[in-house]
Amino acid sequence: MVHDASRSSSPGVFIGGPSARVRAALWEEVQRYAGMGRALLVDKTYNEQRFAFETHDHKWRPIDHEGVTLIHRPSDRVAPRPPSRQGWSKASKRRRFGSR
């Protein structure tokens, strides 16, 4: 698949099996031309998973978890605040109105 980045600003997926030297040169080009964009490289390697990750300006980070590489995706959501308690508590209602 050939993708001309100058014609569109949409992301592309590139699949191939270049040599290590060519892959390193391509990755340098990707990082240079990505600018403020993000890039993710998945490469075959001789580990248990048979692949490894490299990232460029990406919030998702590869992490090692007991020998297995996982992608950590940080949460963009803000932790929800507990609902505010308004009104009378059950104990204060019992004191005020008696237990019924």
PDB file of N, CA and C in Angstrom:
ATOM      1  N   MET A   1       0.850  -1.169   0.000  1.00  0.00           N
ATOM      2  CA  MET A   1       0.000   0.000   0.000  1.00  0.00           C
ATOM      3  C   MET A   1       0.895   1.231   0.000  1.00  0.00           C
ATOM      4  N   VAL A   2       0.622   2.142  -0.869  1.00  0.00           N
ATOM      5  CA  VAL A   2       1.383   3.389  -0.946  1.00  0.00           C
ATOM      6  C   VAL A   2       0.483   4.505  -0.447  1.00  0.00           C
ATOM      7  N   HIS A   3       1.003   5.325   0.439  1.00  0.00           N
ATOM      8  CA  HIS A   3       0.226   6.422   1.010  1.00  0.00           C
ATOM      9  C   HIS A   3       1.022   7.705   0.834  1.00  0.00           C
ATOM     10  N   ASP A   4       0.439   8.681   0.146  1.00  0.00           N
ATOM     11  CA  ASP A   4       1.103   9.962  -0.057  1.00  0.00           C
ATOM     12  C   ASP A   4       0.596  10.944   0.988  1.00  0.00           C
ATOM     13  N   ALA A   5       1.418  11.239   1.994  1.00  0.00           N
ATOM     14  CA  ALA A   5       1.012  12.104   3.104  1.00  0.00           C
ATOM     15  C   ALA A   5       0.778  13.536   2.660  1.00  0.00           C
ATOM     16  N   SER A   6       1.380  13.947   1.537  1.00  0.00           N
ATOM     17  CA  SER A   6       1.207  15.332   1.093  1.00  0.00           C
ATOM     18  C   SER A   6      -0.189  15.581   0.531  1.00  0.00           C
ATOM     19  N   ARG A   7      -0.897  14.527   0.130  1.00  0.00           N
ATOM     20  CA  ARG A   7      -2.226  14.682  -0.453  1.00  0.00           C
ATOM     21  C   ARG A   7      -3.336  14.721   0.579  1.00  0.00           C
ATOM     22  N   SER A   8      -3.114  14.146   1.735  1.00  0.00           N
ATOM     23  CA  SER A   8      -4.166  14.148   2.755  1.00  0.00           C
ATOM     24  C   SER A   8      -3.549  14.243   4.138  1.00  0.00           C
ATOM     25  N   SER A   9      -4.350  14.694   5.071  1.00  0.00           N
ATOM     26  CA  SER A   9      -3.872  14.782   6.447  1.00  0.00           C
ATOM     27  C   SER A   9      -4.410  13.630   7.282  1.00  0.00           C
ATOM     28  N   SER A  10      -5.029  12.649   6.644  1.00  0.00           N
ATOM     29  CA  SER A  10      -5.584  11.518   7.378  1.00  0.00           C
ATOM     30  C   SER A  10      -4.479  10.535   7.733  1.00  0.00           C
ATOM     31  N   PRO A  11      -4.697   9.771   8.793  1.00  0.00           N
ATOM     32  CA  PRO A  11      -3.674   8.821   9.219  1.00  0.00           C
ATOM     33  C   PRO A  11      -3.522   7.704   8.195  1.00  0.00           C
ATOM     34  N   GLY A  12      -2.391   7.066   8.208  1.00  0.00           N
ATOM     35  CA  GLY A  12      -2.134   5.967   7.292  1.00  0.00           C
ATOM     36  C   GLY A  12      -1.654   4.747   8.031  1.00  0.00           C
ATOM     37  N   VAL A  13      -1.849   3.618   7.425  1.00  0.00           N
ATOM     38  CA  VAL A  13      -1.350   2.359   7.945  1.00  0.00           C
ATOM     39  C   VAL A  13      -0.411   1.804   6.893  1.00  0.00           C
ATOM     40  N   PHE A  14       0.764   1.476   7.298  1.00  0.00           N
ATOM     41  CA  PHE A  14       1.759   0.963   6.386  1.00  0.00           C
ATOM     42  C   PHE A  14       2.184  -0.412   6.874  1.00  0.00           C
ATOM     43  N   ILE A  15       2.131  -1.391   6.001  1.00  0.00           N
ATOM     44  CA  ILE A  15       2.482  -2.764   6.366  1.00  0.00           C
ATOM     45  C   ILE A  15       3.595  -3.229   5.450  1.00  0.00           C
ATOM     46  N   GLY A  16       4.608  -3.860   6.037  1.00  0.00           N
ATOM     47  CA  GLY A  16       5.707  -4.362   5.235  1.00  0.00           C
ATOM     48  C   GLY A  16       6.688  -5.121   6.096  1.00  0.00           C
ATOM     49  N   GLY A  17       7.717  -5.617   5.496  1.00  0.00           N
ATOM     50  CA  GLY A  17       8.730  -6.369   6.220  1.00  0.00           C
ATOM     51  C   GLY A  17      10.128  -5.934   5.835  1.00  0.00           C
ATOM     52  N   PRO A  18      10.486  -4.668   6.046  1.00  0.00           N
ATOM     53  CA  PRO A  18      11.815  -4.197   5.648  1.00  0.00           C
ATOM     54  C   PRO A  18      12.900  -4.747   6.569  1.00  0.00           C
ATOM     55  N   SER A  19      14.124  -4.653   6.118  1.00  0.00           N
ATOM     56  CA  SER A  19      15.260  -5.053   6.953  1.00  0.00           C
ATOM     57  C   SER A  19      15.385  -4.089   8.126  1.00  0.00           C
ATOM     58  N   ALA A  20      16.183  -4.467   9.110  1.00  0.00           N
ATOM     59  CA  ALA A  20      16.356  -3.626  10.301  1.00  0.00           C
ATOM     60  C   ALA A  20      16.915  -2.254   9.936  1.00  0.00           C
ATOM     61  N   ARG A  21      17.866  -2.218   9.009  1.00  0.00           N
ATOM     62  CA  ARG A  21      18.464  -0.946   8.604  1.00  0.00           C
ATOM     63  C   ARG A  21      17.455  -0.048   7.899  1.00  0.00           C
ATOM     64  N   VAL A  22      16.669  -0.615   7.000  1.00  0.00           N
ATOM     65  CA  VAL A  22      15.658   0.161   6.288  1.00  0.00           C
ATOM     66  C   VAL A  22      14.565   0.603   7.255  1.00  0.00           C
ATOM     67  N   ARG A  23      14.157  -0.277   8.154  1.00  0.00           N
ATOM     68  CA  ARG A  23      13.130   0.066   9.145  1.00  0.00           C
ATOM     69  C   ARG A  23      13.590   1.222  10.025  1.00  0.00           C
ATOM     70  N   ALA A  24      14.847   1.209  10.462  1.00  0.00           N
ATOM     71  CA  ALA A  24      15.374   2.301  11.296  1.00  0.00           C
ATOM     72  C   ALA A  24      15.369   3.614  10.523  1.00  0.00           C
ATOM     73  N   ALA A  25      15.743   3.565   9.250  1.00  0.00           N
ATOM     74  CA  ALA A  25      15.739   4.782   8.430  1.00  0.00           C
ATOM     75  C   ALA A  25      14.314   5.287   8.223  1.00  0.00           C
ATOM     76  N   LEU A  26      13.378   4.373   7.978  1.00  0.00           N
ATOM     77  CA  LEU A  26      11.979   4.770   7.811  1.00  0.00           C
ATOM     78  C   LEU A  26      11.412   5.372   9.092  1.00  0.00           C
ATOM     79  N   TRP A  27      11.759   4.793  10.231  1.00  0.00           N
ATOM     80  CA  TRP A  27      11.254   5.299  11.515  1.00  0.00           C
ATOM     81  C   TRP A  27      11.786   6.708  11.777  1.00  0.00           C
ATOM     82  N   GLU A  28      13.036   6.966  11.417  1.00  0.00           N
ATOM     83  CA  GLU A  28      13.583   8.322  11.544  1.00  0.00           C
ATOM     84  C   GLU A  28      12.813   9.301  10.661  1.00  0.00           C
ATOM     85  N   GLU A  29      12.488   8.879   9.447  1.00  0.00           N
ATOM     86  CA  GLU A  29      11.706   9.728   8.539  1.00  0.00           C
ATOM     87  C   GLU A  29      10.310   9.992   9.108  1.00  0.00           C
ATOM     88  N   VAL A  30       9.685   8.956   9.629  1.00  0.00           N
ATOM     89  CA  VAL A  30       8.340   9.104  10.214  1.00  0.00           C
ATOM     90  C   VAL A  30       8.381  10.112  11.357  1.00  0.00           C
ATOM     91  N   GLN A  31       9.365   9.977  12.241  1.00  0.00           N
ATOM     92  CA  GLN A  31       9.468  10.899  13.374  1.00  0.00           C
ATOM     93  C   GLN A  31       9.711  12.333  12.912  1.00  0.00           C
ATOM     94  N   ARG A  32      10.510  12.496  11.886  1.00  0.00           N
ATOM     95  CA  ARG A  32      10.803  13.837  11.377  1.00  0.00           C
ATOM     96  C   ARG A  32       9.559  14.463  10.742  1.00  0.00           C
ATOM     97  N   TYR A  33       8.836  13.706   9.928  1.00  0.00           N
ATOM     98  CA  TYR A  33       7.688  14.252   9.218  1.00  0.00           C
ATOM     99  C   TYR A  33       6.410  14.267  10.041  1.00  0.00           C
ATOM    100  N   ALA A  34       6.387  13.553  11.158  1.00  0.00           N
ATOM    101  CA  ALA A  34       5.182  13.535  11.997  1.00  0.00           C
ATOM    102  C   ALA A  34       4.959  14.880  12.666  1.00  0.00           C
ATOM    103  N   GLY A  35       6.043  15.600  12.941  1.00  0.00           N
ATOM    104  CA  GLY A  35       5.916  16.912  13.584  1.00  0.00           C
ATOM    105  C   GLY A  35       5.170  16.803  14.899  1.00  0.00           C
ATOM    106  N   MET A  36       4.013  17.462  14.972  1.00  0.00           N
ATOM    107  CA  MET A  36       3.198  17.428  16.189  1.00  0.00           C
ATOM    108  C   MET A  36       2.278  16.206  16.201  1.00  0.00           C
ATOM    109  N   GLY A  37       2.338  15.401  15.157  1.00  0.00           N
ATOM    110  CA  GLY A  37       1.490  14.214  15.074  1.00  0.00           C
ATOM    111  C   GLY A  37       2.044  13.062  15.895  1.00  0.00           C
ATOM    112  N   ARG A  38       1.313  11.970  15.890  1.00  0.00           N
ATOM    113  CA  ARG A  38       1.721  10.788  16.648  1.00  0.00           C
ATOM    114  C   ARG A  38       2.038   9.654  15.688  1.00  0.00           C
ATOM    115  N   ALA A  39       2.887   8.748  16.150  1.00  0.00           N
ATOM    116  CA  ALA A  39       3.227   7.581  15.350  1.00  0.00           C
ATOM    117  C   ALA A  39       3.457   6.395  16.265  1.00  0.00           C
ATOM    118  N   LEU A  40       3.114   5.233  15.773  1.00  0.00           N
ATOM    119  CA  LEU A  40       3.289   3.988  16.521  1.00  0.00           C
ATOM    120  C   LEU A  40       3.888   2.966  15.565  1.00  0.00           C
ATOM    121  N   LEU A  41       4.979   2.337  15.983  1.00  0.00           N
ATOM    122  CA  LEU A  41       5.641   1.320  15.190  1.00  0.00           C
ATOM    123  C   LEU A  41       5.503  -0.005  15.914  1.00  0.00           C
ATOM    124  N   VAL A  42       5.004  -1.007  15.208  1.00  0.00           N
ATOM    125  CA  VAL A  42       4.954  -2.367  15.729  1.00  0.00           C
ATOM    126  C   VAL A  42       5.896  -3.176  14.858  1.00  0.00           C
ATOM    127  N   ASP A  43       6.866  -3.802  15.501  1.00  0.00           N
ATOM    128  CA  ASP A  43       7.930  -4.478  14.787  1.00  0.00           C
ATOM    129  C   ASP A  43       8.035  -5.922  15.242  1.00  0.00           C
ATOM    130  N   LYS A  44       8.269  -6.836  14.300  1.00  0.00           N
ATOM    131  CA  LYS A  44       8.462  -8.225  14.694  1.00  0.00           C
ATOM    132  C   LYS A  44       9.837  -8.374  15.326  1.00  0.00           C
ATOM    133  N   THR A  45       9.913  -9.216  16.348  1.00  0.00           N
ATOM    134  CA  THR A  45      11.166  -9.434  17.051  1.00  0.00           C
ATOM    135  C   THR A  45      11.159 -10.828  17.662  1.00  0.00           C
ATOM    136  N   TYR A  46      12.269 -11.225  18.241  1.00  0.00           N
ATOM    137  CA  TYR A  46      12.394 -12.565  18.790  1.00  0.00           C
ATOM    138  C   TYR A  46      12.164 -12.566  20.291  1.00  0.00           C
ATOM    139  N   ASN A  47      10.971 -12.205  20.710  1.00  0.00           N
ATOM    140  CA  ASN A  47      10.604 -12.316  22.121  1.00  0.00           C
ATOM    141  C   ASN A  47       9.369 -13.215  22.219  1.00  0.00           C
ATOM    142  N   GLU A  48       8.814 -13.348  23.401  1.00  0.00           N
ATOM    143  CA  GLU A  48       7.666 -14.231  23.584  1.00  0.00           C
ATOM    144  C   GLU A  48       6.458 -13.810  22.762  1.00  0.00           C
ATOM    145  N   GLN A  49       6.242 -12.515  22.641  1.00  0.00           N
ATOM    146  CA  GLN A  49       5.104 -12.007  21.888  1.00  0.00           C
ATOM    147  C   GLN A  49       5.359 -11.970  20.387  1.00  0.00           C
ATOM    148  N   ARG A  50       6.617 -12.002  20.004  1.00  0.00           N
ATOM    149  CA  ARG A  50       7.038 -11.917  18.609  1.00  0.00           C
ATOM    150  C   ARG A  50       6.883 -10.527  17.995  1.00  0.00           C
ATOM    151  N   PHE A  51       6.652  -9.503  18.829  1.00  0.00           N
ATOM    152  CA  PHE A  51       6.613  -8.130  18.334  1.00  0.00           C
ATOM    153  C   PHE A  51       6.967  -7.165  19.443  1.00  0.00           C
ATOM    154  N   ALA A  52       7.327  -5.935  19.043  1.00  0.00           N
ATOM    155  CA  ALA A  52       7.677  -4.876  19.993  1.00  0.00           C
ATOM    156  C   ALA A  52       7.090  -3.567  19.476  1.00  0.00           C
ATOM    157  N   PHE A  53       6.949  -2.601  20.371  1.00  0.00           N
ATOM    158  CA  PHE A  53       6.361  -1.309  20.038  1.00  0.00           C
ATOM    159  C   PHE A  53       7.378  -0.194  20.194  1.00  0.00           C
ATOM    160  N   GLU A  54       7.246   0.826  19.364  1.00  0.00           N
ATOM    161  CA  GLU A  54       7.943   2.101  19.548  1.00  0.00           C
ATOM    162  C   GLU A  54       6.917   3.193  19.310  1.00  0.00           C
ATOM    163  N   THR A  55       7.016   4.294  20.060  1.00  0.00           N
ATOM    164  CA  THR A  55       6.041   5.373  19.913  1.00  0.00           C
ATOM    165  C   THR A  55       6.752   6.700  19.693  1.00  0.00           C
ATOM    166  N   HIS A  56       6.031   7.626  19.069  1.00  0.00           N
ATOM    167  CA  HIS A  56       6.523   8.997  18.874  1.00  0.00           C
ATOM    168  C   HIS A  56       5.384   9.938  19.251  1.00  0.00           C
ATOM    169  N   ASP A  57       5.605  10.768  20.275  1.00  0.00           N
ATOM    170  CA  ASP A  57       4.617  11.749  20.749  1.00  0.00           C
ATOM    171  C   ASP A  57       3.231  11.144  20.932  1.00  0.00           C
ATOM    172  N   HIS A  58       3.180  10.010  21.567  1.00  0.00           N
ATOM    173  CA  HIS A  58       1.915   9.320  21.764  1.00  0.00           C
ATOM    174  C   HIS A  58       1.646   9.213  23.258  1.00  0.00           C
ATOM    175  N   LYS A  59       0.406   9.461  23.675  1.00  0.00           N
ATOM    176  CA  LYS A  59       0.053   9.322  25.088  1.00  0.00           C
ATOM    177  C   LYS A  59       0.072   7.861  25.504  1.00  0.00           C
ATOM    178  N   TRP A  60      -0.239   6.978  24.572  1.00  0.00           N
ATOM    179  CA  TRP A  60      -0.203   5.553  24.880  1.00  0.00           C
ATOM    180  C   TRP A  60       1.247   5.101  24.930  1.00  0.00           C
ATOM    181  N   ARG A  61       1.627   4.419  25.995  1.00  0.00           N
ATOM    182  CA  ARG A  61       3.014   4.017  26.190  1.00  0.00           C
ATOM    183  C   ARG A  61       3.126   2.505  26.351  1.00  0.00           C
ATOM    184  N   PRO A  62       4.113   1.892  25.689  1.00  0.00           N
ATOM    185  CA  PRO A  62       4.352   0.472  25.932  1.00  0.00           C
ATOM    186  C   PRO A  62       4.980   0.290  27.315  1.00  0.00           C
ATOM    187  N   ILE A  63       4.451  -0.644  28.071  1.00  0.00           N
ATOM    188  CA  ILE A  63       5.014  -0.961  29.397  1.00  0.00           C
ATOM    189  C   ILE A  63       5.235  -2.461  29.478  1.00  0.00           C
ATOM    190  N   ASP A  64       6.226  -2.847  30.251  1.00  0.00           N
ATOM    191  CA  ASP A  64       6.517  -4.261  30.445  1.00  0.00           C
ATOM    192  C   ASP A  64       5.765  -4.739  31.683  1.00  0.00           C
ATOM    193  N   HIS A  65       4.964  -5.764  31.519  1.00  0.00           N
ATOM    194  CA  HIS A  65       4.228  -6.344  32.637  1.00  0.00           C
ATOM    195  C   HIS A  65       4.563  -7.824  32.697  1.00  0.00           C
ATOM    196  N   GLU A  66       5.497  -8.174  33.569  1.00  0.00           N
ATOM    197  CA  GLU A  66       5.936  -9.551  33.765  1.00  0.00           C
ATOM    198  C   GLU A  66       6.375 -10.202  32.457  1.00  0.00           C
ATOM    199  N   GLY A  67       7.145  -9.460  31.666  1.00  0.00           N
ATOM    200  CA  GLY A  67       7.690 -10.000  30.435  1.00  0.00           C
ATOM    201  C   GLY A  67       6.790  -9.836  29.216  1.00  0.00           C
ATOM    202  N   VAL A  68       5.604  -9.313  29.400  1.00  0.00           N
ATOM    203  CA  VAL A  68       4.681  -9.087  28.290  1.00  0.00           C
ATOM    204  C   VAL A  68       4.534  -7.582  28.103  1.00  0.00           C
ATOM    205  N   THR A  69       4.688  -7.117  26.870  1.00  0.00           N
ATOM    206  CA  THR A  69       4.552  -5.692  26.596  1.00  0.00           C
ATOM    207  C   THR A  69       3.091  -5.356  26.392  1.00  0.00           C
ATOM    208  N   LEU A  70       2.605  -4.414  27.175  1.00  0.00           N
ATOM    209  CA  LEU A  70       1.234  -3.935  27.073  1.00  0.00           C
ATOM    210  C   LEU A  70       1.258  -2.453  26.728  1.00  0.00           C
ATOM    211  N   ILE A  71       0.162  -1.964  26.182  1.00  0.00           N
ATOM    212  CA  ILE A  71       0.045  -0.543  25.894  1.00  0.00           C
ATOM    213  C   ILE A  71      -0.776   0.096  27.012  1.00  0.00           C
ATOM    214  N   HIS A  72      -0.172   1.057  27.707  1.00  0.00           N
ATOM    215  CA  HIS A  72      -0.865   1.785  28.766  1.00  0.00           C
ATOM    216  C   HIS A  72      -1.548   2.992  28.149  1.00  0.00           C
ATOM    217  N   ARG A  73      -2.853   3.053  28.310  1.00  0.00           N
ATOM    218  CA  ARG A  73      -3.633   4.171  27.780  1.00  0.00           C
ATOM    219  C   ARG A  73      -4.119   5.010  28.950  1.00  0.00           C
ATOM    220  N   PRO A  74      -3.559   6.207  29.131  1.00  0.00           N
ATOM    221  CA  PRO A  74      -3.992   7.031  30.262  1.00  0.00           C
ATOM    222  C   PRO A  74      -5.433   7.472  30.086  1.00  0.00           C
ATOM    223  N   SER A  75      -6.107   7.617  31.195  1.00  0.00           N
ATOM    224  CA  SER A  75      -7.505   8.030  31.178  1.00  0.00           C
ATOM    225  C   SER A  75      -7.606   9.518  30.905  1.00  0.00           C
ATOM    226  N   ASP A  76      -8.432   9.893  29.951  1.00  0.00           N
ATOM    227  CA  ASP A  76      -8.671  11.303  29.656  1.00  0.00           C
ATOM    228  C   ASP A  76      -9.787  11.866  30.522  1.00  0.00           C
ATOM    229  N   ARG A  77     -10.525  10.983  31.154  1.00  0.00           N
ATOM    230  CA  ARG A  77     -11.649  11.433  31.972  1.00  0.00           C
ATOM    231  C   ARG A  77     -11.168  11.946  33.326  1.00  0.00           C
ATOM    232  N   VAL A  78     -11.837  12.914  33.834  1.00  0.00           N
ATOM    233  CA  VAL A  78     -11.567  13.423  35.172  1.00  0.00           C
ATOM    234  C   VAL A  78     -12.337  12.538  36.139  1.00  0.00           C
ATOM    235  N   ALA A  79     -11.717  12.208  37.245  1.00  0.00           N
ATOM    236  CA  ALA A  79     -12.375  11.344  38.220  1.00  0.00           C
ATOM    237  C   ALA A  79     -13.686  11.988  38.685  1.00  0.00           C
ATOM    238  N   PRO A  80     -14.768  11.222  38.660  1.00  0.00           N
ATOM    239  CA  PRO A  80     -16.052  11.811  39.062  1.00  0.00           C
ATOM    240  C   PRO A  80     -16.065  12.152  40.548  1.00  0.00           C
ATOM    241  N   ARG A  81     -16.683  13.275  40.857  1.00  0.00           N
ATOM    242  CA  ARG A  81     -16.808  13.670  42.259  1.00  0.00           C
ATOM    243  C   ARG A  81     -17.996  12.954  42.853  1.00  0.00           C
ATOM    244  N   PRO A  82     -17.900  12.560  44.109  1.00  0.00           N
ATOM    245  CA  PRO A  82     -19.061  11.921  44.732  1.00  0.00           C
ATOM    246  C   PRO A  82     -20.213  12.918  44.816  1.00  0.00           C
ATOM    247  N   PRO A  83     -21.429  12.427  44.719  1.00  0.00           N
ATOM    248  CA  PRO A  83     -22.560  13.360  44.770  1.00  0.00           C
ATOM    249  C   PRO A  83     -22.597  14.093  46.110  1.00  0.00           C
ATOM    250  N   SER A  84     -22.925  15.364  46.048  1.00  0.00           N
ATOM    251  CA  SER A  84     -22.977  16.140  47.286  1.00  0.00           C
ATOM    252  C   SER A  84     -24.217  15.719  48.073  1.00  0.00           C
ATOM    253  N   ARG A  85     -24.042  15.637  49.349  1.00  0.00           N
ATOM    254  CA  ARG A  85     -25.152  15.228  50.210  1.00  0.00           C
ATOM    255  C   ARG A  85     -25.891  16.473  50.661  1.00  0.00           C
ATOM    256  N   GLN A  86     -27.102  16.568  50.209  1.00  0.00           N
ATOM    257  CA  GLN A  86     -27.914  17.709  50.594  1.00  0.00           C
ATOM    258  C   GLN A  86     -29.077  17.209  51.437  1.00  0.00           C
ATOM    259  N   GLY A  87     -29.558  18.052  52.274  1.00  0.00           N
ATOM    260  CA  GLY A  87     -30.700  17.666  53.100  1.00  0.00           C
ATOM    261  C   GLY A  87     -30.250  17.100  54.427  1.00  0.00           C
ATOM    262  N   TRP A  88     -31.178  16.438  55.075  1.00  0.00           N
ATOM    263  CA  TRP A  88     -30.951  15.914  56.413  1.00  0.00           C
ATOM    264  C   TRP A  88     -30.468  14.476  56.367  1.00  0.00           C
ATOM    265  N   SER A  89     -29.557  14.123  57.278  1.00  0.00           N
ATOM    266  CA  SER A  89     -29.122  12.737  57.375  1.00  0.00           C
ATOM    267  C   SER A  89     -30.216  11.936  58.077  1.00  0.00           C
ATOM    268  N   LYS A  90     -30.160  10.622  57.947  1.00  0.00           N
ATOM    269  CA  LYS A  90     -31.155   9.759  58.589  1.00  0.00           C
ATOM    270  C   LYS A  90     -31.124   9.938  60.108  1.00  0.00           C
ATOM    271  N   ALA A  91     -29.924  10.073  60.667  1.00  0.00           N
ATOM    272  CA  ALA A  91     -29.806  10.227  62.122  1.00  0.00           C
ATOM    273  C   ALA A  91     -30.433  11.542  62.580  1.00  0.00           C
ATOM    274  N   SER A  92     -30.210  12.623  61.837  1.00  0.00           N
ATOM    275  CA  SER A  92     -30.782  13.902  62.256  1.00  0.00           C
ATOM    276  C   SER A  92     -32.302  13.901  62.105  1.00  0.00           C
ATOM    277  N   LYS A  93     -32.816  13.181  61.098  1.00  0.00           N
ATOM    278  CA  LYS A  93     -34.273  13.066  60.945  1.00  0.00           C
ATOM    279  C   LYS A  93     -34.875  12.325  62.128  1.00  0.00           C
ATOM    280  N   ARG A  94     -34.198  11.268  62.585  1.00  0.00           N
ATOM    281  CA  ARG A  94     -34.713  10.512  63.738  1.00  0.00           C
ATOM    282  C   ARG A  94     -34.705  11.377  65.004  1.00  0.00           C
ATOM    283  N   ARG A  95     -33.632  12.162  65.183  1.00  0.00           N
ATOM    284  CA  ARG A  95     -33.574  13.016  66.356  1.00  0.00           C
ATOM    285  C   ARG A  95     -34.661  14.079  66.303  1.00  0.00           C
ATOM    286  N   ARG A  96     -34.876  14.622  65.123  1.00  0.00           N
ATOM    287  CA  ARG A  96     -35.825  15.713  64.995  1.00  0.00           C
ATOM    288  C   ARG A  96     -37.275  15.243  65.046  1.00  0.00           C
ATOM    289  N   PHE A  97     -37.565  14.178  64.319  1.00  0.00           N
ATOM    290  CA  PHE A  97     -38.948  13.739  64.203  1.00  0.00           C
ATOM    291  C   PHE A  97     -39.263  12.476  65.001  1.00  0.00           C
ATOM    292  N   GLY A  98     -38.247  11.883  65.619  1.00  0.00           N
ATOM    293  CA  GLY A  98     -38.463  10.638  66.363  1.00  0.00           C
ATOM    294  C   GLY A  98     -38.426   9.460  65.386  1.00  0.00           C
ATOM    295  N   SER A  99     -38.155   8.293  65.926  1.00  0.00           N
ATOM    296  CA  SER A  99     -38.087   7.107  65.060  1.00  0.00           C
ATOM    297  C   SER A  99     -39.488   6.555  64.862  1.00  0.00           C
ATOM    298  N   ARG A 100     -39.919   6.441  63.662  1.00  0.00           N
ATOM    299  CA  ARG A 100     -41.271   5.959  63.332  1.00  0.00           C
ATOM    300  C   ARG A 100     -41.221   4.675  62.588  1.00  0.00           C
TER     301      ARG A 100
END
